[in-house]
Amino acid sequence: MFGKKAKNNRFVMKYSQIVGDVKTVMIIVDTETGVNYITSEGESAPITPLLDSEGKPVIEVQQTAQEPVAETQQTEQVQQ
């Protein structure tokens, strides 16, 4: 998976979560490097590497699915 060209998607959504009533936060994985990124919905939403508790980038060590999971399965509502 890593170092190989993905057929269609270099970036795949690993997880998404609705925070409050309007904001969706997503974790995106680069299928070429394994690096996880965190972002939110919106035109000007930044994308930044997801860091672990030591401040190092979270990198996938296992193969992730090439196709994103259906949104109804990967989205979770969080109450504030």
Protein backbone atom coordinates (compact mmCIF):
# COMPACT_ATOMS: atom_id res chain seq x y z
CA MET A 1 0.00 0.00 0.00
CA PHE A 2 2.62 2.57 1.00
CA GLY A 3 4.95 3.66 -1.77
CA LYS A 4 2.56 2.28 -4.40
CA LYS A 5 0.19 4.41 -6.44
CA ALA A 6 -3.43 4.02 -5.38
CA LYS A 7 -5.77 3.26 -8.26
CA ASN A 8 -7.98 6.30 -7.76
CA ASN A 9 -7.54 7.77 -4.31
CA ARG A 10 -4.29 8.82 -2.72
CA PHE A 11 -6.20 10.10 0.30
CA VAL A 12 -8.95 8.08 1.97
CA MET A 13 -11.22 9.02 4.84
CA LYS A 14 -10.47 6.82 7.83
CA TYR A 15 -12.94 8.35 10.29
CA SER A 16 -15.39 11.20 10.63
CA GLN A 17 -17.23 12.53 13.65
CA ILE A 18 -19.89 15.20 14.01
CA VAL A 19 -18.96 17.53 16.85
CA GLY A 20 -21.86 19.53 18.22
CA ASP A 21 -24.57 20.35 15.71
CA VAL A 22 -22.61 21.58 12.71
CA LYS A 23 -18.91 20.65 12.61
CA THR A 24 -17.59 17.42 11.08
CA VAL A 25 -14.00 16.47 11.94
CA MET A 26 -12.29 13.90 9.71
CA ILE A 27 -9.14 11.80 9.78
CA ILE A 28 -7.68 11.32 6.31
CA VAL A 29 -4.89 8.81 5.47
CA ASP A 30 -2.31 9.34 2.72
CA THR A 31 -2.20 5.91 1.08
CA GLU A 32 1.35 6.50 -0.22
CA THR A 33 2.97 7.48 3.08
CA GLY A 34 0.57 6.21 5.75
CA VAL A 35 0.50 9.63 7.45
CA ASN A 36 -2.82 10.50 9.14
CA TYR A 37 -4.17 14.04 8.79
CA ILE A 38 -6.98 15.80 10.65
CA THR A 39 -9.30 18.29 9.00
CA SER A 40 -12.87 19.54 9.10
CA GLU A 41 -15.51 20.25 6.50
CA GLY A 42 -15.44 23.59 4.75
CA GLU A 43 -13.78 25.38 1.87
CA SER A 44 -11.01 26.95 3.92
CA ALA A 45 -10.55 24.13 6.44
CA PRO A 46 -6.89 23.47 7.22
CA ILE A 47 -5.38 20.00 7.00
CA THR A 48 -2.64 19.12 9.46
CA PRO A 49 -0.79 15.95 10.45
CA LEU A 50 -2.45 14.10 13.34
CA LEU A 51 0.04 13.88 16.22
CA ASP A 52 0.38 11.27 18.95
CA SER A 53 0.95 12.05 22.64
CA GLU A 54 4.70 12.55 22.00
CA GLY A 55 4.11 15.06 19.20
CA LYS A 56 5.06 12.63 16.42
CA PRO A 57 2.89 12.14 13.32
CA VAL A 58 0.50 9.19 13.45
CA ILE A 59 1.51 6.78 10.67
CA GLU A 60 -0.51 3.73 9.61
CA VAL A 61 1.41 0.49 9.97
CA GLN A 62 -1.37 -1.72 8.64
CA GLN A 63 -3.07 -1.50 5.30
CA THR A 64 -6.26 0.60 5.29
CA ALA A 65 -9.22 0.01 3.02
CA GLN A 66 -8.78 1.45 -0.47
CA GLU A 67 -12.42 2.54 -0.60
CA PRO A 68 -13.92 4.76 2.10
CA VAL A 69 -16.51 3.15 4.35
CA ALA A 70 -20.08 4.23 3.66
CA GLU A 71 -20.78 7.50 5.46
CA THR A 72 -23.56 5.97 7.54
CA GLN A 73 -21.03 3.53 8.98
CA GLN A 74 -18.16 5.92 9.65
CA THR A 75 -19.95 8.99 11.01
CA GLU A 76 -20.70 9.22 14.69
CA GLN A 77 -22.74 11.90 16.49
CA VAL A 78 -21.17 13.42 19.62
CA GLN A 79 -23.30 15.35 22.07
CA GLN A 80 -21.78 18.40 23.75
